Amino acid sequence: MNRLFFILIIIALSSCNKKQETQFDWLLGSWERTNDSQGSKTYEYWTKKSNTEYIGLGCTLKGMDTVFKEKMHLIKEKEQWVFKVIGVNEAPTLFPVSSLTETSFTCKNPENEFPKQLNYSFDGKNLNALISDDSTEIPFIFKRK
């Protein structure tokens, strides 16, 4: 009986770990911002490299010109997920994930000038992102392309 109980506990724990490792699959795909400023088009593209790394590309176009571009990585490092932004500052900017659910996450870096916090969520239809600091919030609403 004790052996059966032990086996069931191991199965339950491994199931939880697998769910955690695919936590960000709702990000996958091509997204177009629906609340962009006049004349701009913003996109995010997310792929899954492994169960511990997701890769994103964000860009904003004005006409045919790319006016903003960033690479994003969600990487699991030593049991901690980190959102890494590359291409905006000279060095990569790291935002450790501070909260995580099946369809959302929040990450923070209080040392970064702006933003200090990133919130991503999926409502079943739209991808919602909010970047903020203590006084400013910028919402991004994306629909799947």
N, C-alpha and C. Protein backbone atom coordinates (compact mmCIF):
# COMPACT_ATOMS: atom_id res chain seq x y z
N MET A 1 0.82 -1.20 0.00
CA MET A 1 0.00 0.00 0.00
C MET A 1 0.87 1.26 0.00
N ASN A 2 1.91 1.27 0.85
CA ASN A 2 2.79 2.43 0.89
C ASN A 2 3.49 2.64 -0.45
N ARG A 3 3.87 1.55 -1.10
CA ARG A 3 4.54 1.64 -2.39
C ARG A 3 3.62 2.25 -3.45
N LEU A 4 2.35 1.84 -3.47
CA LEU A 4 1.37 2.38 -4.40
C LEU A 4 1.16 3.87 -4.15
N PHE A 5 1.07 4.26 -2.91
CA PHE A 5 0.90 5.67 -2.55
C PHE A 5 2.11 6.49 -3.04
N PHE A 6 3.31 5.97 -2.85
CA PHE A 6 4.54 6.63 -3.27
C PHE A 6 4.55 6.81 -4.79
N ILE A 7 4.17 5.79 -5.53
CA ILE A 7 4.13 5.85 -7.00
C ILE A 7 3.12 6.90 -7.46
N LEU A 8 1.95 6.95 -6.83
CA LEU A 8 0.94 7.95 -7.19
C LEU A 8 1.43 9.36 -6.93
N ILE A 9 2.16 9.56 -5.84
CA ILE A 9 2.71 10.89 -5.54
C ILE A 9 3.71 11.30 -6.62
N ILE A 10 4.57 10.39 -7.03
CA ILE A 10 5.56 10.69 -8.08
C ILE A 10 4.87 11.04 -9.39
N ILE A 11 3.85 10.29 -9.76
CA ILE A 11 3.10 10.58 -10.99
C ILE A 11 2.44 11.96 -10.91
N ALA A 12 1.84 12.27 -9.79
CA ALA A 12 1.18 13.57 -9.62
C ALA A 12 2.19 14.71 -9.72
N LEU A 13 3.35 14.56 -9.08
CA LEU A 13 4.36 15.61 -9.13
C LEU A 13 4.92 15.78 -10.53
N SER A 14 5.15 14.71 -11.24
CA SER A 14 5.67 14.83 -12.61
C SER A 14 4.64 15.45 -13.53
N SER A 15 3.36 15.19 -13.29
CA SER A 15 2.31 15.83 -14.10
C SER A 15 2.30 17.32 -13.87
N CYS A 16 2.50 17.76 -12.64
CA CYS A 16 2.55 19.19 -12.35
C CYS A 16 3.73 19.83 -13.05
N ASN A 17 4.88 19.17 -13.06
CA ASN A 17 6.06 19.73 -13.72
C ASN A 17 5.84 19.87 -15.21
N LYS A 18 5.21 18.90 -15.86
CA LYS A 18 4.96 19.00 -17.30
C LYS A 18 4.03 20.16 -17.61
N LYS A 19 3.02 20.36 -16.77
CA LYS A 19 2.10 21.47 -16.98
C LYS A 19 2.85 22.79 -16.87
N GLN A 20 3.74 22.88 -15.90
CA GLN A 20 4.52 24.09 -15.70
C GLN A 20 5.44 24.34 -16.89
N GLU A 21 6.03 23.29 -17.46
CA GLU A 21 6.97 23.45 -18.56
C GLU A 21 6.29 23.93 -19.85
N THR A 22 5.01 23.70 -20.00
CA THR A 22 4.30 24.15 -21.20
C THR A 22 3.40 25.34 -20.87
N GLN A 23 3.74 26.01 -19.80
CA GLN A 23 2.93 27.10 -19.27
C GLN A 23 2.70 28.23 -20.27
N PHE A 24 3.63 28.46 -21.18
CA PHE A 24 3.54 29.62 -22.08
C PHE A 24 3.09 29.27 -23.49
N ASP A 25 2.57 28.07 -23.71
CA ASP A 25 2.15 27.68 -25.07
C ASP A 25 1.06 28.58 -25.63
N TRP A 26 0.29 29.24 -24.78
CA TRP A 26 -0.76 30.15 -25.25
C TRP A 26 -0.18 31.38 -25.96
N LEU A 27 1.12 31.65 -25.78
CA LEU A 27 1.77 32.77 -26.47
C LEU A 27 2.08 32.46 -27.93
N LEU A 28 2.16 31.18 -28.27
CA LEU A 28 2.67 30.77 -29.58
C LEU A 28 1.82 31.31 -30.73
N GLY A 29 2.52 31.74 -31.78
CA GLY A 29 1.84 32.20 -32.98
C GLY A 29 2.19 33.62 -33.35
N SER A 30 1.44 34.13 -34.31
CA SER A 30 1.63 35.49 -34.83
C SER A 30 0.50 36.37 -34.33
N TRP A 31 0.86 37.53 -33.82
CA TRP A 31 -0.09 38.44 -33.20
C TRP A 31 0.02 39.83 -33.80
N GLU A 32 -1.12 40.50 -34.00
CA GLU A 32 -1.16 41.87 -34.51
C GLU A 32 -1.87 42.76 -33.50
N ARG A 33 -1.26 43.87 -33.17
CA ARG A 33 -1.84 44.80 -32.19
C ARG A 33 -3.08 45.47 -32.76
N THR A 34 -4.13 45.51 -31.96
CA THR A 34 -5.39 46.12 -32.40
C THR A 34 -5.57 47.55 -31.87
N ASN A 35 -4.79 47.96 -30.89
CA ASN A 35 -4.94 49.31 -30.33
C ASN A 35 -3.70 50.16 -30.60
N ASP A 36 -3.17 50.03 -31.80
CA ASP A 36 -1.98 50.77 -32.20
C ASP A 36 -2.31 52.22 -32.49
N SER A 37 -1.27 53.07 -32.48
CA SER A 37 -1.48 54.47 -32.85
C SER A 37 -1.65 54.57 -34.37
N GLN A 38 -2.28 55.63 -34.79
CA GLN A 38 -2.57 55.87 -36.21
C GLN A 38 -1.30 55.74 -37.05
N GLY A 39 -1.35 54.95 -38.12
CA GLY A 39 -0.24 54.81 -39.04
C GLY A 39 0.81 53.78 -38.63
N SER A 40 0.63 53.16 -37.46
CA SER A 40 1.59 52.15 -36.99
C SER A 40 0.96 50.78 -36.98
N LYS A 41 1.79 49.76 -37.14
CA LYS A 41 1.36 48.37 -37.03
C LYS A 41 2.40 47.66 -36.17
N THR A 42 1.94 47.05 -35.08
CA THR A 42 2.83 46.34 -34.17
C THR A 42 2.49 44.86 -34.18
N TYR A 43 3.54 44.03 -34.19
CA TYR A 43 3.37 42.58 -34.25
C TYR A 43 4.25 41.91 -33.20
N GLU A 44 3.80 40.76 -32.74
CA GLU A 44 4.63 39.86 -31.94
C GLU A 44 4.52 38.48 -32.54
N TYR A 45 5.65 37.79 -32.57
CA TYR A 45 5.72 36.42 -33.09
C TYR A 45 6.40 35.57 -32.02
N TRP A 46 5.75 34.47 -31.62
CA TRP A 46 6.29 33.61 -30.57
C TRP A 46 6.42 32.17 -31.07
N THR A 47 7.57 31.56 -30.79
CA THR A 47 7.83 30.16 -31.09
C THR A 47 8.35 29.48 -29.83
N LYS A 48 8.29 28.17 -29.84
CA LYS A 48 8.77 27.38 -28.71
C LYS A 48 10.02 26.63 -29.14
N LYS A 49 11.14 26.94 -28.51
CA LYS A 49 12.39 26.25 -28.82
C LYS A 49 12.47 24.94 -28.05
N SER A 50 12.01 24.95 -26.80
CA SER A 50 12.02 23.76 -25.94
C SER A 50 11.03 23.99 -24.80
N ASN A 51 10.92 23.02 -23.91
CA ASN A 51 10.02 23.19 -22.76
C ASN A 51 10.52 24.24 -21.78
N THR A 52 11.76 24.69 -21.97
CA THR A 52 12.33 25.69 -21.07
C THR A 52 12.77 26.97 -21.78
N GLU A 53 12.36 27.12 -23.05
CA GLU A 53 12.70 28.35 -23.77
C GLU A 53 11.69 28.66 -24.87
N TYR A 54 11.16 29.87 -24.80
CA TYR A 54 10.25 30.42 -25.81
C TYR A 54 10.93 31.66 -26.39
N ILE A 55 10.78 31.86 -27.70
CA ILE A 55 11.44 32.97 -28.38
C ILE A 55 10.39 33.86 -29.02
N GLY A 56 10.51 35.16 -28.78
CA GLY A 56 9.58 36.12 -29.35
C GLY A 56 10.30 37.21 -30.12
N LEU A 57 9.59 37.77 -31.08
CA LEU A 57 10.08 38.91 -31.83
C LEU A 57 8.96 39.93 -31.85
N GLY A 58 9.27 41.15 -31.47
CA GLY A 58 8.31 42.24 -31.51
C GLY A 58 8.82 43.32 -32.44
N CYS A 59 7.92 43.88 -33.24
CA CYS A 59 8.33 44.97 -34.13
C CYS A 59 7.15 45.89 -34.40
N THR A 60 7.51 47.15 -34.67
CA THR A 60 6.51 48.15 -35.04
C THR A 60 6.93 48.75 -36.37
N LEU A 61 5.95 48.83 -37.27
CA LEU A 61 6.17 49.40 -38.60
C LEU A 61 5.38 50.69 -38.75
N LYS A 62 5.98 51.66 -39.43
CA LYS A 62 5.27 52.86 -39.89
C LYS A 62 5.45 52.87 -41.38
N GLY A 63 4.37 52.62 -42.08
CA GLY A 63 4.48 52.42 -43.51
C GLY A 63 5.28 51.15 -43.75
N MET A 64 6.34 51.24 -44.51
CA MET A 64 7.20 50.09 -44.78
C MET A 64 8.47 50.11 -43.93
N ASP A 65 8.60 51.09 -43.02
CA ASP A 65 9.80 51.22 -42.20
C ASP A 65 9.62 50.58 -40.83
N THR A 66 10.61 49.82 -40.40
CA THR A 66 10.63 49.26 -39.06
C THR A 66 11.16 50.33 -38.12
N VAL A 67 10.31 50.77 -37.18
CA VAL A 67 10.72 51.84 -36.26
C VAL A 67 11.06 51.31 -34.87
N PHE A 68 10.73 50.05 -34.60
CA PHE A 68 11.08 49.43 -33.31
C PHE A 68 11.17 47.93 -33.51
N LYS A 69 12.17 47.33 -32.87
CA LYS A 69 12.33 45.88 -32.96
C LYS A 69 12.98 45.39 -31.67
N GLU A 70 12.47 44.28 -31.15
CA GLU A 70 13.07 43.66 -29.97
C GLU A 70 12.93 42.15 -30.06
N LYS A 71 13.92 41.46 -29.51
CA LYS A 71 13.85 40.01 -29.37
C LYS A 71 13.52 39.73 -27.92
N MET A 72 12.69 38.72 -27.71
CA MET A 72 12.29 38.35 -26.36
C MET A 72 12.51 36.86 -26.17
N HIS A 73 12.92 36.50 -24.98
CA HIS A 73 13.09 35.10 -24.62
C HIS A 73 12.46 34.88 -23.27
N LEU A 74 11.69 33.83 -23.16
CA LEU A 74 11.25 33.34 -21.85
C LEU A 74 12.09 32.09 -21.60
N ILE A 75 12.93 32.15 -20.60
CA ILE A 75 13.88 31.07 -20.34
C ILE A 75 13.76 30.63 -18.89
N LYS A 76 13.73 29.33 -18.70
CA LYS A 76 13.73 28.79 -17.34
C LYS A 76 15.17 28.57 -16.92
N GLU A 77 15.59 29.31 -15.90
CA GLU A 77 16.95 29.21 -15.38
C GLU A 77 16.89 28.82 -13.92
N LYS A 78 17.37 27.63 -13.59
CA LYS A 78 17.39 27.15 -12.20
C LYS A 78 16.02 27.27 -11.54
N GLU A 79 15.01 26.72 -12.14
CA GLU A 79 13.63 26.72 -11.61
C GLU A 79 12.96 28.09 -11.64
N GLN A 80 13.59 29.11 -12.17
CA GLN A 80 13.02 30.46 -12.25
C GLN A 80 12.87 30.85 -13.70
N TRP A 81 11.65 31.25 -14.11
CA TRP A 81 11.44 31.77 -15.45
C TRP A 81 11.90 33.22 -15.50
N VAL A 82 12.55 33.59 -16.59
CA VAL A 82 13.04 34.95 -16.79
C VAL A 82 12.63 35.41 -18.19
N PHE A 83 12.10 36.62 -18.27
CA PHE A 83 11.75 37.26 -19.53
C PHE A 83 12.94 38.15 -19.90
N LYS A 84 13.61 37.83 -21.00
CA LYS A 84 14.80 38.55 -21.43
C LYS A 84 14.48 39.35 -22.68
N VAL A 85 14.78 40.66 -22.64
CA VAL A 85 14.56 41.55 -23.79
C VAL A 85 15.92 41.92 -24.37
N ILE A 86 16.07 41.69 -25.68
CA ILE A 86 17.33 41.95 -26.37
C ILE A 86 17.06 42.93 -27.51
N GLY A 87 17.95 43.92 -27.65
CA GLY A 87 17.85 44.83 -28.78
C GLY A 87 17.31 46.20 -28.45
N VAL A 88 16.86 46.40 -27.23
CA VAL A 88 16.35 47.72 -26.86
C VAL A 88 17.46 48.51 -26.17
N ASN A 89 18.12 47.89 -25.21
CA ASN A 89 19.25 48.50 -24.51
C ASN A 89 20.54 47.83 -24.99
N GLU A 90 21.66 48.39 -24.60
CA GLU A 90 22.94 47.85 -25.02
C GLU A 90 23.11 46.40 -24.58
N ALA A 91 22.74 46.12 -23.33
CA ALA A 91 22.81 44.76 -22.80
C ALA A 91 21.39 44.22 -22.67
N PRO A 92 21.20 42.90 -22.67
CA PRO A 92 19.86 42.34 -22.45
C PRO A 92 19.28 42.81 -21.12
N THR A 93 17.98 43.04 -21.11
CA THR A 93 17.28 43.42 -19.88
C THR A 93 16.51 42.22 -19.39
N LEU A 94 16.70 41.88 -18.11
CA LEU A 94 16.09 40.70 -17.52
C LEU A 94 14.94 41.08 -16.59
N PHE A 95 13.83 40.36 -16.75
CA PHE A 95 12.65 40.55 -15.92
C PHE A 95 12.27 39.19 -15.33
N PRO A 96 12.66 38.89 -14.09
CA PRO A 96 12.25 37.62 -13.48
C PRO A 96 10.73 37.54 -13.37
N VAL A 97 10.18 36.36 -13.68
CA VAL A 97 8.73 36.16 -13.58
C VAL A 97 8.37 36.07 -12.10
N SER A 98 7.45 36.94 -11.68
CA SER A 98 7.08 37.00 -10.26
C SER A 98 5.76 36.30 -9.96
N SER A 99 4.90 36.15 -10.97
CA SER A 99 3.67 35.37 -10.79
C SER A 99 3.32 34.72 -12.11
N LEU A 100 2.66 33.56 -12.00
CA LEU A 100 2.42 32.73 -13.17
C LEU A 100 1.15 31.93 -12.96
N THR A 101 0.25 31.98 -13.97
CA THR A 101 -0.94 31.14 -13.98
C THR A 101 -0.97 30.39 -15.30
N GLU A 102 -2.03 29.66 -15.56
CA GLU A 102 -2.14 28.91 -16.82
C GLU A 102 -2.24 29.82 -18.03
N THR A 103 -2.71 31.05 -17.86
CA THR A 103 -2.89 31.96 -19.01
C THR A 103 -2.38 33.37 -18.75
N SER A 104 -1.45 33.52 -17.81
CA SER A 104 -0.91 34.86 -17.56
C SER A 104 0.42 34.77 -16.81
N PHE A 105 1.16 35.85 -16.91
CA PHE A 105 2.36 35.97 -16.09
C PHE A 105 2.69 37.44 -15.89
N THR A 106 3.39 37.72 -14.82
CA THR A 106 3.89 39.05 -14.49
C THR A 106 5.38 38.92 -14.23
N CYS A 107 6.13 39.87 -14.73
CA CYS A 107 7.56 39.89 -14.43
C CYS A 107 7.97 41.33 -14.12
N LYS A 108 9.00 41.43 -13.27
CA LYS A 108 9.39 42.75 -12.77
C LYS A 108 10.91 42.92 -12.79
N ASN A 109 11.30 44.17 -13.03
CA ASN A 109 12.69 44.59 -12.88
C ASN A 109 12.65 46.03 -12.39
N PRO A 110 12.64 46.24 -11.07
CA PRO A 110 12.53 47.61 -10.53
C PRO A 110 13.72 48.50 -10.86
N GLU A 111 14.84 47.90 -11.31
CA GLU A 111 16.03 48.68 -11.67
C GLU A 111 15.95 49.25 -13.08
N ASN A 112 15.08 48.71 -13.92
CA ASN A 112 14.96 49.18 -15.30
C ASN A 112 14.25 50.53 -15.32
N GLU A 113 14.68 51.41 -16.22
CA GLU A 113 14.07 52.74 -16.29
C GLU A 113 12.60 52.64 -16.68
N PHE A 114 12.30 52.00 -17.79
CA PHE A 114 10.91 51.73 -18.22
C PHE A 114 10.95 50.60 -19.23
N PRO A 115 10.06 49.67 -19.09
CA PRO A 115 9.10 49.47 -18.01
C PRO A 115 9.76 48.77 -16.83
N LYS A 116 9.10 48.83 -15.71
CA LYS A 116 9.54 48.11 -14.52
C LYS A 116 8.77 46.81 -14.36
N GLN A 117 7.61 46.73 -15.01
CA GLN A 117 6.77 45.54 -14.90
C GLN A 117 6.14 45.22 -16.25
N LEU A 118 6.05 43.93 -16.55
CA LEU A 118 5.38 43.43 -17.75
C LEU A 118 4.30 42.45 -17.30
N ASN A 119 3.11 42.59 -17.85
CA ASN A 119 2.02 41.65 -17.59
C ASN A 119 1.52 41.13 -18.93
N TYR A 120 1.48 39.83 -19.09
CA TYR A 120 0.92 39.19 -20.27
C TYR A 120 -0.23 38.30 -19.83
N SER A 121 -1.30 38.29 -20.61
CA SER A 121 -2.42 37.38 -20.33
C SER A 121 -3.12 37.02 -21.64
N PHE A 122 -3.77 35.89 -21.61
CA PHE A 122 -4.55 35.42 -22.76
C PHE A 122 -5.96 35.17 -22.27
N ASP A 123 -6.95 35.83 -22.90
CA ASP A 123 -8.34 35.71 -22.47
C ASP A 123 -9.14 34.70 -23.29
N GLY A 124 -8.45 33.87 -24.06
CA GLY A 124 -9.12 32.90 -24.93
C GLY A 124 -9.26 33.39 -26.35
N LYS A 125 -9.10 34.69 -26.54
CA LYS A 125 -9.21 35.30 -27.87
C LYS A 125 -8.04 36.25 -28.14
N ASN A 126 -7.79 37.15 -27.20
CA ASN A 126 -6.76 38.18 -27.37
C ASN A 126 -5.58 37.94 -26.45
N LEU A 127 -4.42 38.35 -26.93
CA LEU A 127 -3.22 38.40 -26.12
C LEU A 127 -3.13 39.83 -25.60
N ASN A 128 -3.06 39.98 -24.29
CA ASN A 128 -3.02 41.30 -23.68
C ASN A 128 -1.67 41.47 -22.98
N ALA A 129 -1.02 42.58 -23.25
CA ALA A 129 0.25 42.90 -22.60
C ALA A 129 0.13 44.30 -22.03
N LEU A 130 0.68 44.47 -20.85
CA LEU A 130 0.68 45.78 -20.21
C LEU A 130 2.09 46.03 -19.70
N ILE A 131 2.71 47.11 -20.17
CA ILE A 131 4.01 47.50 -19.64
C ILE A 131 3.79 48.73 -18.78
N SER A 132 4.51 48.79 -17.65
CA SER A 132 4.22 49.88 -16.73
C SER A 132 5.40 50.18 -15.80
N ASP A 133 5.28 51.35 -15.17
CA ASP A 133 6.11 51.70 -14.02
C ASP A 133 5.16 52.31 -13.00
N ASP A 134 5.66 53.08 -12.06
CA ASP A 134 4.80 53.62 -11.01
C ASP A 134 3.78 54.65 -11.51
N SER A 135 4.08 55.31 -12.65
CA SER A 135 3.18 56.37 -13.10
C SER A 135 2.61 56.19 -14.50
N THR A 136 3.11 55.23 -15.28
CA THR A 136 2.68 55.08 -16.67
C THR A 136 2.32 53.63 -16.97
N GLU A 137 1.23 53.45 -17.69
CA GLU A 137 0.83 52.12 -18.17
C GLU A 137 0.57 52.21 -19.67
N ILE A 138 1.09 51.25 -20.42
CA ILE A 138 0.83 51.19 -21.85
C ILE A 138 0.26 49.81 -22.17
N PRO A 139 -1.04 49.76 -22.57
CA PRO A 139 -1.65 48.47 -22.90
C PRO A 139 -1.42 48.10 -24.37
N PHE A 140 -1.21 46.83 -24.59
CA PHE A 140 -1.10 46.26 -25.93
C PHE A 140 -2.14 45.16 -26.04
N ILE A 141 -3.03 45.27 -26.99
CA ILE A 141 -4.04 44.23 -27.22
C ILE A 141 -3.76 43.64 -28.60
N PHE A 142 -3.54 42.33 -28.64
CA PHE A 142 -3.20 41.65 -29.88
C PHE A 142 -4.27 40.64 -30.26
N LYS A 143 -4.54 40.52 -31.54
CA LYS A 143 -5.38 39.43 -32.05
C LYS A 143 -4.48 38.49 -32.84
N ARG A 144 -4.86 37.23 -32.88
CA ARG A 144 -4.08 36.24 -33.62
C ARG A 144 -4.21 36.51 -35.11
N LYS A 145 -3.09 36.48 -35.81
CA LYS A 145 -3.09 36.69 -37.27
C LYS A 145 -3.41 35.40 -37.97
